[in-house]
Amino acid sequence: MATTHNHGDHDHSHDDGHDHPGAAPMVDEISDFEVLELAVRELAIEKGLFTAEDHRVFSEWNDARSPAAGSRMVAKAWLDPEYKARVFSDPLNASKEVGVDWAEPSGFGTTSDYMHLTVLENTPTLHHVIVCTLCSCYPRPLLGHSPYWYRAPNYRRRIVRWPRQVLAEFGLVIPSEVEVRVEDSNAKSRFMVLPVRPEGTEGWSEDQLAEIVTRDCMIGIAQPKPGRTSDGPRPIHKASRPVHSGGRPAEAAR
């Protein structure tokens, strides 16, 4: 359990005016959201909704989420036509075959991720990309935690208006003859992309294929490629012509 400290309290044990080699750095103050979470958590524990041990176990399970299950699902679908058919017709049961139970993914209580799941198949003439324009709805049991840029308003509002341009900013140029569809997640639906199996992977095992199915491939802002087994950094660049209040660039407001 975390404890709170009155601002009038002082702890002089670590503040003697001298630097100490190896000492822990100063920690930033917690945000308003973290204060709210602590307060609600402690109130829920006090009211008996769950215990501190329940919270610890769930937090450790949640922190361990990764895209591994989704990668395994894609690789298995590439190799097994019957399993691939189940991925589209009954994705909730298909996900159980890679170790994810959407009805109770944590094993000790249903999470907010229990909802309709749709797997979107990319083809040589159709490319899907997913977004949540409302907030950050995301298939966490299969893909782990969403990346920062997926939750950023800039991605959420631009990908639905200029999908090809935004994908190009991620380094993915979609040919004009390929249709691009943007699927918007919501409180009741989650989406995951099944990308096209790349050339040069003939004869590969399921383990080998799973290694090249990265998180970004299953969101739709990248395509699998032999030799690439992880997603590169996605740096945030400052806008060259930022829009200020009023919705117009600064020079246009003069």
C-alpha atoms as a PDB file:
ATOM      1  CA  MET A   1       0.000   0.000   0.000  1.00  0.00           C
ATOM      2  CA  ALA A   2       1.251   3.452  -0.794  1.00  0.00           C
ATOM      3  CA  THR A   3       1.237   6.023   1.971  1.00  0.00           C
ATOM      4  CA  THR A   4       0.727   9.755   1.711  1.00  0.00           C
ATOM      5  CA  HIS A   5       2.674  12.413   3.553  1.00  0.00           C
ATOM      6  CA  ASN A   6       1.517  15.720   4.937  1.00  0.00           C
ATOM      7  CA  HIS A   7       3.312  18.675   3.343  1.00  0.00           C
ATOM      8  CA  GLY A   8       4.171  19.844   6.825  1.00  0.00           C
ATOM      9  CA  ASP A   9       6.217  16.716   7.509  1.00  0.00           C
ATOM     10  CA  HIS A  10       9.948  16.834   6.866  1.00  0.00           C
ATOM     11  CA  ASP A  11      12.425  14.019   6.425  1.00  0.00           C
ATOM     12  CA  HIS A  12      15.989  15.219   6.930  1.00  0.00           C
ATOM     13  CA  SER A  13      17.614  11.807   6.642  1.00  0.00           C
ATOM     14  CA  HIS A  14      18.425  12.281   2.926  1.00  0.00           C
ATOM     15  CA  ASP A  15      18.880  16.044   2.755  1.00  0.00           C
ATOM     16  CA  ASP A  16      22.209  17.110   4.279  1.00  0.00           C
ATOM     17  CA  GLY A  17      23.230  19.448   1.494  1.00  0.00           C
ATOM     18  CA  HIS A  18      25.764  17.038   0.000  1.00  0.00           C
ATOM     19  CA  ASP A  19      25.709  14.807  -3.054  1.00  0.00           C
ATOM     20  CA  HIS A  20      26.075  11.090  -2.358  1.00  0.00           C
ATOM     21  CA  PRO A  21      27.468   8.810  -5.073  1.00  0.00           C
ATOM     22  CA  GLY A  22      24.970   6.104  -5.919  1.00  0.00           C
ATOM     23  CA  ALA A  23      22.103   7.854  -4.170  1.00  0.00           C
ATOM     24  CA  ALA A  24      18.667   7.518  -5.761  1.00  0.00           C
ATOM     25  CA  PRO A  25      17.643  10.535  -7.903  1.00  0.00           C
ATOM     26  CA  MET A  26      14.819  12.833  -6.917  1.00  0.00           C
ATOM     27  CA  VAL A  27      11.423  11.585  -8.028  1.00  0.00           C
ATOM     28  CA  ASP A  28       8.947  13.819  -9.819  1.00  0.00           C
ATOM     29  CA  GLU A  29       5.739  14.568  -7.974  1.00  0.00           C
ATOM     30  CA  ILE A  30       2.891  12.261  -8.872  1.00  0.00           C
ATOM     31  CA  SER A  31       0.231  13.545 -11.236  1.00  0.00           C
ATOM     32  CA  ASP A  32      -3.347  14.405 -10.367  1.00  0.00           C
ATOM     33  CA  PHE A  33      -4.454  11.199 -12.073  1.00  0.00           C
ATOM     34  CA  GLU A  34      -2.096   9.124  -9.941  1.00  0.00           C
ATOM     35  CA  VAL A  35      -3.408  10.808  -6.788  1.00  0.00           C
ATOM     36  CA  LEU A  36      -6.963  10.012  -7.902  1.00  0.00           C
ATOM     37  CA  GLU A  37      -6.050   6.385  -8.639  1.00  0.00           C
ATOM     38  CA  LEU A  38      -4.451   5.976  -5.221  1.00  0.00           C
ATOM     39  CA  ALA A  39      -7.485   7.467  -3.500  1.00  0.00           C
ATOM     40  CA  VAL A  40     -10.001   5.306  -5.390  1.00  0.00           C
ATOM     41  CA  ARG A  41      -7.874   2.186  -4.923  1.00  0.00           C
ATOM     42  CA  GLU A  42      -7.530   2.652  -1.172  1.00  0.00           C
ATOM     43  CA  LEU A  43     -11.242   3.428  -0.835  1.00  0.00           C
ATOM     44  CA  ALA A  44     -12.145   0.274  -2.806  1.00  0.00           C
ATOM     45  CA  ILE A  45      -9.880  -1.814  -0.577  1.00  0.00           C
ATOM     46  CA  GLU A  46     -11.373  -0.203   2.535  1.00  0.00           C
ATOM     47  CA  LYS A  47     -14.906  -1.016   1.294  1.00  0.00           C
ATOM     48  CA  GLY A  48     -13.941  -4.635   0.585  1.00  0.00           C
ATOM     49  CA  LEU A  49     -14.362  -4.541  -3.212  1.00  0.00           C
ATOM     50  CA  PHE A  50     -10.951  -6.189  -3.545  1.00  0.00           C
ATOM     51  CA  THR A  51      -7.870  -6.667  -1.393  1.00  0.00           C
ATOM     52  CA  ALA A  52      -4.412  -5.172  -1.666  1.00  0.00           C
ATOM     53  CA  GLU A  53      -3.198  -8.646  -2.665  1.00  0.00           C
ATOM     54  CA  ASP A  54      -5.822  -8.802  -5.445  1.00  0.00           C
ATOM     55  CA  HIS A  55      -4.529  -5.480  -6.747  1.00  0.00           C
ATOM     56  CA  ARG A  56      -0.918  -6.623  -6.631  1.00  0.00           C
ATOM     57  CA  VAL A  57      -1.642  -9.839  -8.521  1.00  0.00           C
ATOM     58  CA  PHE A  58      -3.677  -8.049 -11.188  1.00  0.00           C
ATOM     59  CA  SER A  59      -1.049  -5.314 -11.597  1.00  0.00           C
ATOM     60  CA  GLU A  60       1.695  -7.884 -12.130  1.00  0.00           C
ATOM     61  CA  TRP A  61      -0.445  -9.737 -14.682  1.00  0.00           C
ATOM     62  CA  ASN A  62      -1.281  -6.494 -16.473  1.00  0.00           C
ATOM     63  CA  ASP A  63       2.349  -5.340 -16.574  1.00  0.00           C
ATOM     64  CA  ALA A  64       3.348  -8.638 -18.172  1.00  0.00           C
ATOM     65  CA  ARG A  65       1.088  -8.212 -21.235  1.00  0.00           C
ATOM     66  CA  SER A  66       2.889  -8.272 -24.592  1.00  0.00           C
ATOM     67  CA  PRO A  67       2.098  -8.784 -28.314  1.00  0.00           C
ATOM     68  CA  ALA A  68       3.347 -12.386 -28.125  1.00  0.00           C
ATOM     69  CA  ALA A  69      -0.118 -13.992 -28.206  1.00  0.00           C
ATOM     70  CA  GLY A  70      -1.195 -11.915 -31.191  1.00  0.00           C
ATOM     71  CA  SER A  71       2.027 -12.756 -33.029  1.00  0.00           C
ATOM     72  CA  ARG A  72       1.423 -16.435 -32.374  1.00  0.00           C
ATOM     73  CA  MET A  73      -2.147 -16.163 -33.664  1.00  0.00           C
ATOM     74  CA  VAL A  74      -0.982 -14.588 -36.934  1.00  0.00           C
ATOM     75  CA  ALA A  75       1.822 -17.114 -37.468  1.00  0.00           C
ATOM     76  CA  LYS A  76      -0.537 -20.016 -36.765  1.00  0.00           C
ATOM     77  CA  ALA A  77      -3.105 -18.598 -39.208  1.00  0.00           C
ATOM     78  CA  TRP A  78      -0.455 -18.286 -41.917  1.00  0.00           C
ATOM     79  CA  LEU A  79       0.395 -21.991 -41.580  1.00  0.00           C
ATOM     80  CA  ASP A  80      -2.990 -23.571 -40.814  1.00  0.00           C
ATOM     81  CA  PRO A  81      -5.924 -22.750 -43.149  1.00  0.00           C
ATOM     82  CA  GLU A  82      -8.452 -24.329 -40.774  1.00  0.00           C
ATOM     83  CA  TYR A  83      -7.210 -22.272 -37.853  1.00  0.00           C
ATOM     84  CA  LYS A  84      -7.233 -19.159 -40.053  1.00  0.00           C
ATOM     85  CA  ALA A  85     -10.915 -19.771 -40.799  1.00  0.00           C
ATOM     86  CA  ARG A  86     -11.602 -19.959 -37.047  1.00  0.00           C
ATOM     87  CA  VAL A  87      -9.725 -16.698 -36.491  1.00  0.00           C
ATOM     88  CA  PHE A  88     -12.305 -14.920 -38.638  1.00  0.00           C
ATOM     89  CA  SER A  89     -15.425 -16.913 -37.729  1.00  0.00           C
ATOM     90  CA  ASP A  90     -14.811 -17.290 -33.987  1.00  0.00           C
ATOM     91  CA  PRO A  91     -11.832 -15.164 -32.890  1.00  0.00           C
ATOM     92  CA  LEU A  92     -12.618 -15.462 -29.175  1.00  0.00           C
ATOM     93  CA  ASN A  93     -12.232 -19.240 -29.259  1.00  0.00           C
ATOM     94  CA  ALA A  94      -9.324 -18.998 -31.690  1.00  0.00           C
ATOM     95  CA  SER A  95      -7.529 -16.777 -29.197  1.00  0.00           C
ATOM     96  CA  LYS A  96      -7.845 -19.538 -26.575  1.00  0.00           C
ATOM     97  CA  GLU A  97      -5.651 -21.708 -28.793  1.00  0.00           C
ATOM     98  CA  VAL A  98      -2.816 -19.220 -28.257  1.00  0.00           C
ATOM     99  CA  GLY A  99      -3.419 -18.947 -24.526  1.00  0.00           C
ATOM    100  CA  VAL A 100      -5.797 -15.984 -24.264  1.00  0.00           C
ATOM    101  CA  ASP A 101      -9.291 -16.309 -22.803  1.00  0.00           C
ATOM    102  CA  TRP A 102     -11.143 -13.095 -23.630  1.00  0.00           C
ATOM    103  CA  ALA A 103     -13.969 -13.949 -21.248  1.00  0.00           C
ATOM    104  CA  GLU A 104     -11.561 -13.933 -18.321  1.00  0.00           C
ATOM    105  CA  PRO A 105      -8.059 -13.106 -19.611  1.00  0.00           C
ATOM    106  CA  SER A 106      -6.452 -12.564 -16.228  1.00  0.00           C
ATOM    107  CA  GLY A 107      -7.821 -15.774 -14.719  1.00  0.00           C
ATOM    108  CA  PHE A 108      -9.234 -13.951 -11.690  1.00  0.00           C
ATOM    109  CA  GLY A 109     -11.981 -11.661 -12.886  1.00  0.00           C
ATOM    110  CA  THR A 110     -13.251 -10.228 -16.150  1.00  0.00           C
ATOM    111  CA  THR A 111     -11.444  -7.090 -17.312  1.00  0.00           C
ATOM    112  CA  SER A 112     -12.788  -4.271 -19.454  1.00  0.00           C
ATOM    113  CA  ASP A 113     -11.320  -5.982 -22.537  1.00  0.00           C
ATOM    114  CA  TYR A 114     -14.124  -8.570 -22.675  1.00  0.00           C
ATOM    115  CA  MET A 115     -15.990  -7.497 -25.806  1.00  0.00           C
ATOM    116  CA  HIS A 116     -16.435  -8.329 -29.469  1.00  0.00           C
ATOM    117  CA  LEU A 117     -13.175  -9.088 -31.266  1.00  0.00           C
ATOM    118  CA  THR A 118     -12.741  -8.824 -35.032  1.00  0.00           C
ATOM    119  CA  VAL A 119      -9.615  -9.897 -36.902  1.00  0.00           C
ATOM    120  CA  LEU A 120      -9.117  -7.918 -40.121  1.00  0.00           C
ATOM    121  CA  GLU A 121      -7.365  -9.669 -42.996  1.00  0.00           C
ATOM    122  CA  ASN A 122      -4.972  -7.690 -45.161  1.00  0.00           C
ATOM    123  CA  THR A 123      -4.636  -8.787 -48.786  1.00  0.00           C
ATOM    124  CA  PRO A 124      -2.488  -7.628 -51.710  1.00  0.00           C
ATOM    125  CA  THR A 125      -5.307  -5.199 -52.610  1.00  0.00           C
ATOM    126  CA  LEU A 126      -6.628  -4.230 -49.147  1.00  0.00           C
ATOM    127  CA  HIS A 127      -4.834  -2.770 -46.128  1.00  0.00           C
ATOM    128  CA  HIS A 128      -6.384  -2.232 -42.686  1.00  0.00           C
ATOM    129  CA  VAL A 129      -5.243   0.074 -39.907  1.00  0.00           C
ATOM    130  CA  ILE A 130      -6.866   0.415 -36.484  1.00  0.00           C
ATOM    131  CA  VAL A 131      -7.468   3.426 -34.270  1.00  0.00           C
ATOM    132  CA  CYS A 132      -9.634   4.518 -31.378  1.00  0.00           C
ATOM    133  CA  THR A 133     -10.823   8.043 -32.122  1.00  0.00           C
ATOM    134  CA  LEU A 134     -12.612   8.283 -28.777  1.00  0.00           C
ATOM    135  CA  CYS A 135      -9.744   7.355 -26.444  1.00  0.00           C
ATOM    136  CA  SER A 136      -7.460   4.305 -26.517  1.00  0.00           C
ATOM    137  CA  CYS A 137      -9.554   1.124 -26.942  1.00  0.00           C
ATOM    138  CA  TYR A 138      -7.115  -1.634 -27.842  1.00  0.00           C
ATOM    139  CA  PRO A 139      -6.959  -5.483 -27.801  1.00  0.00           C
ATOM    140  CA  ARG A 140      -4.588  -5.691 -24.827  1.00  0.00           C
ATOM    141  CA  PRO A 141      -4.935  -9.444 -24.123  1.00  0.00           C
ATOM    142  CA  LEU A 142      -3.472 -10.133 -27.588  1.00  0.00           C
ATOM    143  CA  LEU A 143      -1.269  -7.098 -28.272  1.00  0.00           C
ATOM    144  CA  GLY A 144      -0.222  -5.960 -24.808  1.00  0.00           C
ATOM    145  CA  HIS A 145      -0.263  -2.284 -23.920  1.00  0.00           C
ATOM    146  CA  SER A 146      -0.923   0.283 -26.629  1.00  0.00           C
ATOM    147  CA  PRO A 147       2.001   2.492 -27.693  1.00  0.00           C
ATOM    148  CA  TYR A 148       2.003   6.169 -26.762  1.00  0.00           C
ATOM    149  CA  TRP A 149       1.376   7.380 -30.310  1.00  0.00           C
ATOM    150  CA  TYR A 150      -1.769   5.211 -30.576  1.00  0.00           C
ATOM    151  CA  ARG A 151      -3.278   7.154 -27.671  1.00  0.00           C
ATOM    152  CA  ALA A 152      -2.086  10.557 -28.909  1.00  0.00           C
ATOM    153  CA  PRO A 153      -4.814  12.901 -30.251  1.00  0.00           C
ATOM    154  CA  ASN A 154      -2.646  13.643 -33.294  1.00  0.00           C
ATOM    155  CA  TYR A 155      -2.799  10.034 -34.497  1.00  0.00           C
ATOM    156  CA  ARG A 156      -6.439   9.551 -33.546  1.00  0.00           C
ATOM    157  CA  ARG A 157      -7.748  12.539 -35.454  1.00  0.00           C
ATOM    158  CA  ARG A 158      -5.430  12.360 -38.486  1.00  0.00           C
ATOM    159  CA  ILE A 159      -5.421   8.652 -39.380  1.00  0.00           C
ATOM    160  CA  VAL A 160      -9.143   8.745 -40.210  1.00  0.00           C
ATOM    161  CA  ARG A 161      -8.763  11.807 -42.449  1.00  0.00           C
ATOM    162  CA  TRP A 162      -5.423  11.205 -44.163  1.00  0.00           C
ATOM    163  CA  PRO A 163      -4.584   7.508 -43.634  1.00  0.00           C
ATOM    164  CA  ARG A 164      -2.090   7.220 -46.496  1.00  0.00           C
ATOM    165  CA  GLN A 165      -0.174  10.301 -45.426  1.00  0.00           C
ATOM    166  CA  VAL A 166      -0.037   9.207 -41.788  1.00  0.00           C
ATOM    167  CA  LEU A 167       1.064   5.700 -42.741  1.00  0.00           C
ATOM    168  CA  ALA A 168       3.799   7.239 -44.889  1.00  0.00           C
ATOM    169  CA  GLU A 169       4.984   9.158 -41.820  1.00  0.00           C
ATOM    170  CA  PHE A 170       5.421   5.779 -40.143  1.00  0.00           C
ATOM    171  CA  GLY A 171       7.459   4.657 -43.146  1.00  0.00           C
ATOM    172  CA  LEU A 172       4.708   2.591 -44.769  1.00  0.00           C
ATOM    173  CA  VAL A 173       3.822   3.733 -48.281  1.00  0.00           C
ATOM    174  CA  ILE A 174       0.651   2.078 -49.592  1.00  0.00           C
ATOM    175  CA  PRO A 175       0.386   1.901 -53.408  1.00  0.00           C
ATOM    176  CA  SER A 176      -2.538   3.808 -54.902  1.00  0.00           C
ATOM    177  CA  GLU A 177      -4.119   0.614 -56.243  1.00  0.00           C
ATOM    178  CA  VAL A 178      -4.386  -0.805 -52.695  1.00  0.00           C
ATOM    179  CA  GLU A 179      -7.514   0.171 -50.756  1.00  0.00           C
ATOM    180  CA  VAL A 180      -6.965   1.487 -47.225  1.00  0.00           C
ATOM    181  CA  ARG A 181      -9.634   0.945 -44.563  1.00  0.00           C
ATOM    182  CA  VAL A 182      -9.504   2.510 -41.104  1.00  0.00           C
ATOM    183  CA  GLU A 183     -11.334   0.599 -38.373  1.00  0.00           C
ATOM    184  CA  ASP A 184     -12.391   2.603 -35.315  1.00  0.00           C
ATOM    185  CA  SER A 185     -12.370   0.698 -32.019  1.00  0.00           C
ATOM    186  CA  ASN A 186     -14.914   1.486 -29.335  1.00  0.00           C
ATOM    187  CA  ALA A 187     -16.159   0.384 -25.927  1.00  0.00           C
ATOM    188  CA  LYS A 188     -17.802  -2.733 -27.371  1.00  0.00           C
ATOM    189  CA  SER A 189     -15.415  -3.722 -30.181  1.00  0.00           C
ATOM    190  CA  ARG A 190     -11.724  -4.462 -30.588  1.00  0.00           C
ATOM    191  CA  PHE A 191      -9.817  -5.010 -33.819  1.00  0.00           C
ATOM    192  CA  MET A 192      -6.568  -6.687 -34.782  1.00  0.00           C
ATOM    193  CA  VAL A 193      -4.904  -6.849 -38.190  1.00  0.00           C
ATOM    194  CA  LEU A 194      -3.765 -10.119 -39.768  1.00  0.00           C
ATOM    195  CA  PRO A 195      -1.057  -8.932 -42.166  1.00  0.00           C
ATOM    196  CA  VAL A 196      -0.036 -10.488 -45.459  1.00  0.00           C
ATOM    197  CA  ARG A 197       2.655 -13.128 -45.069  1.00  0.00           C
ATOM    198  CA  PRO A 198       5.807 -11.699 -46.639  1.00  0.00           C
ATOM    199  CA  GLU A 199       7.783 -13.345 -49.415  1.00  0.00           C
ATOM    200  CA  GLY A 200      10.974 -15.072 -48.374  1.00  0.00           C
ATOM    201  CA  THR A 201       9.363 -16.952 -45.485  1.00  0.00           C
ATOM    202  CA  GLU A 202       8.588 -20.176 -47.311  1.00  0.00           C
ATOM    203  CA  GLY A 203       9.322 -23.202 -45.157  1.00  0.00           C
ATOM    204  CA  TRP A 204       9.553 -21.157 -41.950  1.00  0.00           C
ATOM    205  CA  SER A 205       8.320 -22.622 -38.679  1.00  0.00           C
ATOM    206  CA  GLU A 206       5.591 -21.086 -36.554  1.00  0.00           C
ATOM    207  CA  ASP A 207       8.213 -19.773 -34.126  1.00  0.00           C
ATOM    208  CA  GLN A 208      10.188 -18.115 -36.923  1.00  0.00           C
ATOM    209  CA  LEU A 209       7.080 -16.495 -38.368  1.00  0.00           C
ATOM    210  CA  ALA A 210       5.872 -15.247 -34.976  1.00  0.00           C
ATOM    211  CA  GLU A 211       9.167 -13.401 -34.478  1.00  0.00           C
ATOM    212  CA  ILE A 212       8.535 -11.079 -37.442  1.00  0.00           C
ATOM    213  CA  VAL A 213       4.900 -10.327 -36.552  1.00  0.00           C
ATOM    214  CA  THR A 214       5.437  -7.193 -34.486  1.00  0.00           C
ATOM    215  CA  ARG A 215       2.903  -5.084 -32.608  1.00  0.00           C
ATOM    216  CA  ASP A 216       2.884  -2.400 -35.326  1.00  0.00           C
ATOM    217  CA  CYS A 217       2.077  -5.016 -37.983  1.00  0.00           C
ATOM    218  CA  MET A 218      -1.038  -6.017 -36.032  1.00  0.00           C
ATOM    219  CA  ILE A 219      -2.107  -2.376 -35.681  1.00  0.00           C
ATOM    220  CA  GLY A 220      -1.577  -1.846 -39.408  1.00  0.00           C
ATOM    221  CA  ILE A 221       1.099   0.845 -39.479  1.00  0.00           C
ATOM    222  CA  ALA A 222       3.817  -1.604 -40.563  1.00  0.00           C
ATOM    223  CA  GLN A 223       4.172  -4.807 -42.560  1.00  0.00           C
ATOM    224  CA  PRO A 224       6.105  -7.915 -41.514  1.00  0.00           C
ATOM    225  CA  LYS A 225       9.510  -8.309 -43.069  1.00  0.00           C
ATOM    226  CA  PRO A 226      12.123 -11.063 -42.784  1.00  0.00           C
ATOM    227  CA  GLY A 227      14.895  -9.924 -40.478  1.00  0.00           C
ATOM    228  CA  ARG A 228      12.807  -7.357 -38.587  1.00  0.00           C
ATOM    229  CA  THR A 229      11.742  -8.770 -35.232  1.00  0.00           C
ATOM    230  CA  SER A 230      10.920  -5.605 -33.290  1.00  0.00           C
ATOM    231  CA  ASP A 231       9.327  -2.220 -33.822  1.00  0.00           C
ATOM    232  CA  GLY A 232      11.690   0.716 -34.112  1.00  0.00           C
ATOM    233  CA  PRO A 233      11.329   3.899 -32.060  1.00  0.00           C
ATOM    234  CA  ARG A 234       8.571   6.270 -33.084  1.00  0.00           C
ATOM    235  CA  PRO A 235       9.911   9.720 -32.168  1.00  0.00           C
ATOM    236  CA  ILE A 236       7.491  12.603 -31.739  1.00  0.00           C
ATOM    237  CA  HIS A 237       8.387  15.632 -33.856  1.00  0.00           C
ATOM    238  CA  LYS A 238       7.261  19.151 -33.146  1.00  0.00           C
ATOM    239  CA  ALA A 239       4.890  20.561 -35.731  1.00  0.00           C
ATOM    240  CA  SER A 240       6.575  22.864 -38.246  1.00  0.00           C
ATOM    241  CA  ARG A 241       3.427  24.980 -38.427  1.00  0.00           C
ATOM    242  CA  PRO A 242       1.629  24.541 -35.117  1.00  0.00           C
ATOM    243  CA  VAL A 243      -2.005  25.548 -34.952  1.00  0.00           C
ATOM    244  CA  HIS A 244      -2.839  27.930 -32.116  1.00  0.00           C
ATOM    245  CA  SER A 245      -6.167  28.844 -30.536  1.00  0.00           C
ATOM    246  CA  GLY A 246      -8.787  29.680 -33.100  1.00  0.00           C
ATOM    247  CA  GLY A 247      -7.726  26.805 -35.350  1.00  0.00           C
ATOM    248  CA  ARG A 248      -5.395  28.870 -37.571  1.00  0.00           C
ATOM    249  CA  PRO A 249      -1.609  29.042 -37.906  1.00  0.00           C
ATOM    250  CA  ALA A 250      -0.125  32.050 -36.104  1.00  0.00           C
ATOM    251  CA  GLU A 251       0.741  33.907 -39.316  1.00  0.00           C
ATOM    252  CA  ALA A 252      -2.820  33.525 -40.594  1.00  0.00           C
ATOM    253  CA  ALA A 253      -4.196  35.115 -37.453  1.00  0.00           C
ATOM    254  CA  ARG A 254      -2.369  38.370 -38.061  1.00  0.00           C
END
